[in-house]
């Protein structure tokens, strides 16, 4: 299986998630509370140290107000 951490598509997803959280006006702590996870998990996601699984992406979309399918489609169409 190819390495995905640090891949151009992974980096784009992380940038999108950071921007979405910023635009929602919430902190990592607030996002973690809404998702019922530790803040350290959000920090590891945003620093690119951890992959985002599909269920987490769906939940992030619900909390931050974006369509996960739309971001996946955009990332899938990137040339890496």
PDB file of N, CA and C in Angstrom:
ATOM      1  N   UNK A   1       0.854  -1.187   0.000  1.00  0.00           N
ATOM      2  CA  UNK A   1       0.000   0.000   0.000  1.00  0.00           C
ATOM      3  C   UNK A   1       0.892   1.239   0.000  1.00  0.00           C
ATOM      4  N   UNK A   2       0.610   2.188  -0.879  1.00  0.00           N
ATOM      5  CA  UNK A   2       1.440   3.391  -0.942  1.00  0.00           C
ATOM      6  C   UNK A   2       1.286   4.259   0.306  1.00  0.00           C
ATOM      7  N   UNK A   3       2.343   4.984   0.590  1.00  0.00           N
ATOM      8  CA  UNK A   3       2.342   5.916   1.712  1.00  0.00           C
ATOM      9  C   UNK A   3       1.377   7.062   1.412  1.00  0.00           C
ATOM     10  N   UNK A   4       0.508   7.389   2.374  1.00  0.00           N
ATOM     11  CA  UNK A   4      -0.435   8.485   2.163  1.00  0.00           C
ATOM     12  C   UNK A   4      -0.134   9.700   3.024  1.00  0.00           C
ATOM     13  N   UNK A   5       0.474   9.512   4.190  1.00  0.00           N
ATOM     14  CA  UNK A   5       0.827  10.668   5.006  1.00  0.00           C
ATOM     15  C   UNK A   5       1.893  11.457   4.260  1.00  0.00           C
ATOM     16  N   UNK A   6       1.647  12.722   4.098  1.00  0.00           N
ATOM     17  CA  UNK A   6       2.579  13.570   3.373  1.00  0.00           C
ATOM     18  C   UNK A   6       2.352  13.580   1.874  1.00  0.00           C
ATOM     19  N   UNK A   7       1.447  12.759   1.386  1.00  0.00           N
ATOM     20  CA  UNK A   7       1.069  12.761  -0.018  1.00  0.00           C
ATOM     21  C   UNK A   7       0.388  14.096  -0.343  1.00  0.00           C
ATOM     22  N   UNK A   8       0.504  14.529  -1.582  1.00  0.00           N
ATOM     23  CA  UNK A   8      -0.084  15.809  -1.987  1.00  0.00           C
ATOM     24  C   UNK A   8      -1.585  15.853  -1.682  1.00  0.00           C
ATOM     25  N   UNK A   9      -2.284  14.759  -1.913  1.00  0.00           N
ATOM     26  CA  UNK A   9      -3.722  14.733  -1.653  1.00  0.00           C
ATOM     27  C   UNK A   9      -4.024  14.795  -0.161  1.00  0.00           C
ATOM     28  N   UNK A  10      -3.224  14.114   0.630  1.00  0.00           N
ATOM     29  CA  UNK A  10      -3.404  14.170   2.092  1.00  0.00           C
ATOM     30  C   UNK A  10      -3.166  15.591   2.582  1.00  0.00           C
ATOM     31  N   UNK A  11      -2.107  16.205   2.085  1.00  0.00           N
ATOM     32  CA  UNK A  11      -1.794  17.583   2.479  1.00  0.00           C
ATOM     33  C   UNK A  11      -2.936  18.535   2.115  1.00  0.00           C
ATOM     34  N   UNK A  12      -3.536  18.333   0.948  1.00  0.00           N
ATOM     35  CA  UNK A  12      -4.658  19.177   0.510  1.00  0.00           C
ATOM     36  C   UNK A  12      -5.862  18.989   1.428  1.00  0.00           C
ATOM     37  N   UNK A  13      -6.140  17.748   1.816  1.00  0.00           N
ATOM     38  CA  UNK A  13      -7.243  17.469   2.738  1.00  0.00           C
ATOM     39  C   UNK A  13      -7.008  18.167   4.072  1.00  0.00           C
ATOM     40  N   UNK A  14      -5.796  18.076   4.585  1.00  0.00           N
ATOM     41  CA  UNK A  14      -5.474  18.712   5.868  1.00  0.00           C
ATOM     42  C   UNK A  14      -5.639  20.224   5.763  1.00  0.00           C
ATOM     43  N   UNK A  15      -5.140  20.812   4.692  1.00  0.00           N
ATOM     44  CA  UNK A  15      -5.300  22.267   4.501  1.00  0.00           C
ATOM     45  C   UNK A  15      -6.769  22.658   4.468  1.00  0.00           C
ATOM     46  N   UNK A  16      -7.562  21.856   3.762  1.00  0.00           N
ATOM     47  CA  UNK A  16      -8.992  22.124   3.692  1.00  0.00           C
ATOM     48  C   UNK A  16      -9.623  22.058   5.084  1.00  0.00           C
ATOM     49  N   UNK A  17      -9.283  21.046   5.873  1.00  0.00           N
ATOM     50  CA  UNK A  17      -9.875  20.892   7.204  1.00  0.00           C
ATOM     51  C   UNK A  17      -9.502  22.044   8.134  1.00  0.00           C
ATOM     52  N   UNK A  18      -8.257  22.468   8.068  1.00  0.00           N
ATOM     53  CA  UNK A  18      -7.817  23.603   8.890  1.00  0.00           C
ATOM     54  C   UNK A  18      -8.580  24.862   8.491  1.00  0.00           C
ATOM     55  N   UNK A  19      -8.700  25.086   7.188  1.00  0.00           N
ATOM     56  CA  UNK A  19      -9.427  26.259   6.689  1.00  0.00           C
ATOM     57  C   UNK A  19     -10.909  26.202   7.086  1.00  0.00           C
ATOM     58  N   UNK A  20     -11.513  25.024   6.981  1.00  0.00           N
ATOM     59  CA  UNK A  20     -12.932  24.877   7.335  1.00  0.00           C
ATOM     60  C   UNK A  20     -13.148  25.163   8.818  1.00  0.00           C
ATOM     61  N   UNK A  21     -12.234  24.692   9.659  1.00  0.00           N
ATOM     62  CA  UNK A  21     -12.365  24.959  11.099  1.00  0.00           C
ATOM     63  C   UNK A  21     -12.196  26.445  11.377  1.00  0.00           C
ATOM     64  N   UNK A  22     -11.219  27.053  10.722  1.00  0.00           N
ATOM     65  CA  UNK A  22     -10.976  28.483  10.898  1.00  0.00           C
ATOM     66  C   UNK A  22     -12.189  29.303  10.462  1.00  0.00           C
ATOM     67  N   UNK A  23     -12.744  28.949   9.300  1.00  0.00           N
ATOM     68  CA  UNK A  23     -13.916  29.672   8.788  1.00  0.00           C
ATOM     69  C   UNK A  23     -15.138  29.477   9.694  1.00  0.00           C
ATOM     70  N   UNK A  24     -15.200  28.332  10.368  1.00  0.00           N
ATOM     71  CA  UNK A  24     -16.298  28.086  11.302  1.00  0.00           C
ATOM     72  C   UNK A  24     -16.109  28.858  12.610  1.00  0.00           C
ATOM     73  N   UNK A  25     -14.900  29.414  12.783  1.00  0.00           N
ATOM     74  CA  UNK A  25     -14.624  30.219  13.968  1.00  0.00           C
ATOM     75  C   UNK A  25     -14.520  29.420  15.251  1.00  0.00           C
ATOM     76  N   UNK A  26     -14.035  28.180  15.146  1.00  0.00           N
ATOM     77  CA  UNK A  26     -13.895  27.385  16.364  1.00  0.00           C
ATOM     78  C   UNK A  26     -12.449  26.918  16.538  1.00  0.00           C
ATOM     79  N   UNK A  27     -12.097  26.680  17.768  1.00  0.00           N
ATOM     80  CA  UNK A  27     -10.754  26.231  18.104  1.00  0.00           C
ATOM     81  C   UNK A  27     -10.665  24.714  17.991  1.00  0.00           C
ATOM     82  N   UNK A  28      -9.442  24.212  18.063  1.00  0.00           N
ATOM     83  CA  UNK A  28      -9.252  22.761  18.095  1.00  0.00           C
ATOM     84  C   UNK A  28      -9.984  22.149  19.288  1.00  0.00           C
ATOM     85  N   UNK A  29      -9.937  22.814  20.408  1.00  0.00           N
ATOM     86  CA  UNK A  29     -10.597  22.314  21.623  1.00  0.00           C
ATOM     87  C   UNK A  29     -12.105  22.229  21.403  1.00  0.00           C
ATOM     88  N   UNK A  30     -12.678  23.277  20.836  1.00  0.00           N
ATOM     89  CA  UNK A  30     -14.122  23.279  20.581  1.00  0.00           C
ATOM     90  C   UNK A  30     -14.514  22.192  19.574  1.00  0.00           C
ATOM     91  N   UNK A  31     -13.698  22.024  18.535  1.00  0.00           N
ATOM     92  CA  UNK A  31     -13.971  20.973  17.553  1.00  0.00           C
ATOM     93  C   UNK A  31     -13.902  19.600  18.214  1.00  0.00           C
ATOM     94  N   UNK A  32     -12.906  19.398  19.017  1.00  0.00           N
ATOM     95  CA  UNK A  32     -12.769  18.124  19.723  1.00  0.00           C
ATOM     96  C   UNK A  32     -13.979  17.856  20.610  1.00  0.00           C
ATOM     97  N   UNK A  33     -14.443  18.870  21.315  1.00  0.00           N
ATOM     98  CA  UNK A  33     -15.621  18.706  22.169  1.00  0.00           C
ATOM     99  C   UNK A  33     -16.844  18.318  21.346  1.00  0.00           C
ATOM    100  N   UNK A  34     -17.034  18.964  20.213  1.00  0.00           N
ATOM    101  CA  UNK A  34     -18.192  18.673  19.357  1.00  0.00           C
ATOM    102  C   UNK A  34     -18.111  17.257  18.772  1.00  0.00           C
ATOM    103  N   UNK A  35     -16.897  16.786  18.547  1.00  0.00           N
ATOM    104  CA  UNK A  35     -16.709  15.453  17.975  1.00  0.00           C
ATOM    105  C   UNK A  35     -16.558  14.371  19.050  1.00  0.00           C
ATOM    106  N   UNK A  36     -16.503  14.816  20.311  1.00  0.00           N
ATOM    107  CA  UNK A  36     -16.335  13.901  21.443  1.00  0.00           C
ATOM    108  C   UNK A  36     -15.029  13.104  21.355  1.00  0.00           C
ATOM    109  N   UNK A  37     -13.946  13.846  21.051  1.00  0.00           N
ATOM    110  CA  UNK A  37     -12.605  13.269  21.005  1.00  0.00           C
ATOM    111  C   UNK A  37     -11.673  14.204  21.773  1.00  0.00           C
ATOM    112  N   UNK A  38     -10.449  13.736  22.000  1.00  0.00           N
ATOM    113  CA  UNK A  38      -9.446  14.584  22.645  1.00  0.00           C
ATOM    114  C   UNK A  38      -8.909  15.618  21.657  1.00  0.00           C
ATOM    115  N   UNK A  39      -8.524  16.772  22.180  1.00  0.00           N
ATOM    116  CA  UNK A  39      -7.949  17.829  21.352  1.00  0.00           C
ATOM    117  C   UNK A  39      -6.679  17.337  20.673  1.00  0.00           C
ATOM    118  N   UNK A  40      -5.947  16.454  21.319  1.00  0.00           N
ATOM    119  CA  UNK A  40      -4.706  15.956  20.729  1.00  0.00           C
ATOM    120  C   UNK A  40      -4.963  15.211  19.423  1.00  0.00           C
ATOM    121  N   UNK A  41      -6.107  14.574  19.276  1.00  0.00           N
ATOM    122  CA  UNK A  41      -6.443  13.905  18.018  1.00  0.00           C
ATOM    123  C   UNK A  41      -6.597  14.946  16.908  1.00  0.00           C
ATOM    124  N   UNK A  42      -7.279  16.041  17.211  1.00  0.00           N
ATOM    125  CA  UNK A  42      -7.451  17.116  16.222  1.00  0.00           C
ATOM    126  C   UNK A  42      -6.090  17.701  15.857  1.00  0.00           C
ATOM    127  N   UNK A  43      -5.238  17.896  16.852  1.00  0.00           N
ATOM    128  CA  UNK A  43      -3.904  18.440  16.593  1.00  0.00           C
ATOM    129  C   UNK A  43      -3.099  17.501  15.699  1.00  0.00           C
ATOM    130  N   UNK A  44      -3.174  16.202  15.928  1.00  0.00           N
ATOM    131  CA  UNK A  44      -2.449  15.238  15.090  1.00  0.00           C
ATOM    132  C   UNK A  44      -3.001  15.196  13.668  1.00  0.00           C
ATOM    133  N   UNK A  45      -4.334  15.318  13.540  1.00  0.00           N
ATOM    134  CA  UNK A  45      -4.929  15.385  12.203  1.00  0.00           C
ATOM    135  C   UNK A  45      -4.416  16.616  11.459  1.00  0.00           C
ATOM    136  N   UNK A  46      -4.505  17.769  12.119  1.00  0.00           N
ATOM    137  CA  UNK A  46      -4.151  19.033  11.468  1.00  0.00           C
ATOM    138  C   UNK A  46      -2.650  19.176  11.198  1.00  0.00           C
ATOM    139  N   UNK A  47      -1.837  18.452  11.934  1.00  0.00           N
ATOM    140  CA  UNK A  47      -0.391  18.524  11.690  1.00  0.00           C
ATOM    141  C   UNK A  47       0.047  17.487  10.660  1.00  0.00           C
ATOM    142  N   UNK A  48      -0.903  16.668  10.198  1.00  0.00           N
ATOM    143  CA  UNK A  48      -0.584  15.669   9.192  1.00  0.00           C
ATOM    144  C   UNK A  48       0.052  14.408   9.739  1.00  0.00           C
ATOM    145  N   UNK A  49       0.035  14.243  11.049  1.00  0.00           N
ATOM    146  CA  UNK A  49       0.638  13.074  11.681  1.00  0.00           C
ATOM    147  C   UNK A  49      -0.299  11.867  11.696  1.00  0.00           C
ATOM    148  N   UNK A  50      -1.547  12.094  11.364  1.00  0.00           N
ATOM    149  CA  UNK A  50      -2.553  11.039  11.434  1.00  0.00           C
ATOM    150  C   UNK A  50      -3.481  11.133  10.235  1.00  0.00           C
ATOM    151  N   UNK A  51      -3.875   9.988   9.716  1.00  0.00           N
ATOM    152  CA  UNK A  51      -4.831   9.951   8.608  1.00  0.00           C
ATOM    153  C   UNK A  51      -6.234  10.262   9.117  1.00  0.00           C
ATOM    154  N   UNK A  52      -7.076  10.745   8.228  1.00  0.00           N
ATOM    155  CA  UNK A  52      -8.484  10.985   8.527  1.00  0.00           C
ATOM    156  C   UNK A  52      -9.261   9.816   7.942  1.00  0.00           C
ATOM    157  N   UNK A  53      -9.970   9.054   8.785  1.00  0.00           N
ATOM    158  CA  UNK A  53     -10.754   7.967   8.205  1.00  0.00           C
ATOM    159  C   UNK A  53     -12.084   8.506   7.708  1.00  0.00           C
ATOM    160  N   UNK A  54     -12.770   7.701   6.930  1.00  0.00           N
ATOM    161  CA  UNK A  54     -13.988   8.164   6.252  1.00  0.00           C
ATOM    162  C   UNK A  54     -15.078   8.568   7.241  1.00  0.00           C
ATOM    163  N   UNK A  55     -15.219   7.844   8.334  1.00  0.00           N
ATOM    164  CA  UNK A  55     -16.245   8.186   9.320  1.00  0.00           C
ATOM    165  C   UNK A  55     -15.906   9.513   9.998  1.00  0.00           C
ATOM    166  N   UNK A  56     -14.629   9.730  10.286  1.00  0.00           N
ATOM    167  CA  UNK A  56     -14.212  11.013  10.857  1.00  0.00           C
ATOM    168  C   UNK A  56     -14.477  12.151   9.878  1.00  0.00           C
ATOM    169  N   UNK A  57     -14.216  11.911   8.587  1.00  0.00           N
ATOM    170  CA  UNK A  57     -14.451  12.946   7.582  1.00  0.00           C
ATOM    171  C   UNK A  57     -15.932  13.308   7.518  1.00  0.00           C
ATOM    172  N   UNK A  58     -16.800  12.312   7.612  1.00  0.00           N
ATOM    173  CA  UNK A  58     -18.244  12.574   7.624  1.00  0.00           C
ATOM    174  C   UNK A  58     -18.615  13.416   8.834  1.00  0.00           C
ATOM    175  N   UNK A  59     -18.108  13.036  10.006  1.00  0.00           N
ATOM    176  CA  UNK A  59     -18.407  13.783  11.233  1.00  0.00           C
ATOM    177  C   UNK A  59     -17.850  15.207  11.151  1.00  0.00           C
ATOM    178  N   UNK A  60     -16.628  15.350  10.639  1.00  0.00           N
ATOM    179  CA  UNK A  60     -16.058  16.683  10.472  1.00  0.00           C
ATOM    180  C   UNK A  60     -16.941  17.533   9.563  1.00  0.00           C
ATOM    181  N   UNK A  61     -17.445  16.934   8.501  1.00  0.00           N
ATOM    182  CA  UNK A  61     -18.351  17.651   7.604  1.00  0.00           C
ATOM    183  C   UNK A  61     -19.605  18.111   8.310  1.00  0.00           C
ATOM    184  N   UNK A  62     -20.161  17.250   9.157  1.00  0.00           N
ATOM    185  CA  UNK A  62     -21.363  17.616   9.908  1.00  0.00           C
ATOM    186  C   UNK A  62     -21.081  18.777  10.855  1.00  0.00           C
ATOM    187  N   UNK A  63     -19.967  18.707  11.548  1.00  0.00           N
ATOM    188  CA  UNK A  63     -19.633  19.730  12.549  1.00  0.00           C
ATOM    189  C   UNK A  63     -19.210  21.042  11.894  1.00  0.00           C
ATOM    190  N   UNK A  64     -18.430  20.951  10.816  1.00  0.00           N
ATOM    191  CA  UNK A  64     -17.878  22.157  10.192  1.00  0.00           C
ATOM    192  C   UNK A  64     -18.708  22.674   9.024  1.00  0.00           C
ATOM    193  N   UNK A  65     -19.720  21.919   8.613  1.00  0.00           N
ATOM    194  CA  UNK A  65     -20.632  22.396   7.588  1.00  0.00           C
ATOM    195  C   UNK A  65     -20.132  22.273   6.165  1.00  0.00           C
ATOM    196  N   UNK A  66     -19.502  21.159   5.827  1.00  0.00           N
ATOM    197  CA  UNK A  66     -19.118  20.922   4.440  1.00  0.00           C
ATOM    198  C   UNK A  66     -19.566  19.524   4.025  1.00  0.00           C
ATOM    199  N   UNK A  67     -19.626  19.314   2.710  1.00  0.00           N
ATOM    200  CA  UNK A  67     -20.018  18.025   2.154  1.00  0.00           C
ATOM    201  C   UNK A  67     -18.758  17.179   1.949  1.00  0.00           C
ATOM    202  N   UNK A  68     -18.592  16.110   2.731  1.00  0.00           N
ATOM    203  CA  UNK A  68     -17.389  15.294   2.601  1.00  0.00           C
ATOM    204  C   UNK A  68     -17.207  14.713   1.191  1.00  0.00           C
ATOM    205  N   UNK A  69     -18.293  14.349   0.535  1.00  0.00           N
ATOM    206  CA  UNK A  69     -18.194  13.781  -0.810  1.00  0.00           C
ATOM    207  C   UNK A  69     -17.599  14.797  -1.781  1.00  0.00           C
ATOM    208  N   UNK A  70     -17.946  16.057  -1.593  1.00  0.00           N
ATOM    209  CA  UNK A  70     -17.434  17.105  -2.477  1.00  0.00           C
ATOM    210  C   UNK A  70     -15.917  17.258  -2.338  1.00  0.00           C
ATOM    211  N   UNK A  71     -15.422  17.265  -1.100  1.00  0.00           N
ATOM    212  CA  UNK A  71     -13.976  17.424  -0.910  1.00  0.00           C
ATOM    213  C   UNK A  71     -13.233  16.185  -1.399  1.00  0.00           C
ATOM    214  N   UNK A  72     -13.807  15.002  -1.205  1.00  0.00           N
ATOM    215  CA  UNK A  72     -13.166  13.775  -1.700  1.00  0.00           C
ATOM    216  C   UNK A  72     -13.080  13.810  -3.224  1.00  0.00           C
ATOM    217  N   UNK A  73     -14.132  14.258  -3.864  1.00  0.00           N
ATOM    218  CA  UNK A  73     -14.131  14.347  -5.324  1.00  0.00           C
ATOM    219  C   UNK A  73     -13.049  15.310  -5.813  1.00  0.00           C
ATOM    220  N   UNK A  74     -12.934  16.459  -5.166  1.00  0.00           N
ATOM    221  CA  UNK A  74     -11.907  17.429  -5.560  1.00  0.00           C
ATOM    222  C   UNK A  74     -10.508  16.836  -5.393  1.00  0.00           C
ATOM    223  N   UNK A  75     -10.281  16.174  -4.289  1.00  0.00           N
ATOM    224  CA  UNK A  75      -8.962  15.592  -4.018  1.00  0.00           C
ATOM    225  C   UNK A  75      -8.684  14.452  -4.977  1.00  0.00           C
ATOM    226  N   UNK A  76      -9.687  13.638  -5.269  1.00  0.00           N
ATOM    227  CA  UNK A  76      -9.511  12.503  -6.176  1.00  0.00           C
ATOM    228  C   UNK A  76      -9.118  12.964  -7.574  1.00  0.00           C
ATOM    229  N   UNK A  77      -9.565  14.143  -7.954  1.00  0.00           N
ATOM    230  CA  UNK A  77      -9.285  14.659  -9.294  1.00  0.00           C
ATOM    231  C   UNK A  77      -7.918  15.348  -9.399  1.00  0.00           C
ATOM    232  N   UNK A  78      -7.225  15.467  -8.265  1.00  0.00           N
ATOM    233  CA  UNK A  78      -5.882  16.061  -8.296  1.00  0.00           C
ATOM    234  C   UNK A  78      -4.917  15.085  -8.948  1.00  0.00           C
ATOM    235  N   UNK A  79      -3.942  15.604  -9.586  1.00  0.00           N
ATOM    236  CA  UNK A  79      -2.886  14.757 -10.158  1.00  0.00           C
ATOM    237  C   UNK A  79      -1.726  14.763  -9.187  1.00  0.00           C
ATOM    238  N   UNK A  80      -1.336  13.613  -8.716  1.00  0.00           N
ATOM    239  CA  UNK A  80      -0.254  13.528  -7.748  1.00  0.00           C
ATOM    240  C   UNK A  80       0.814  12.736  -8.251  1.00  0.00           C
TER     241      UNK A  80
END
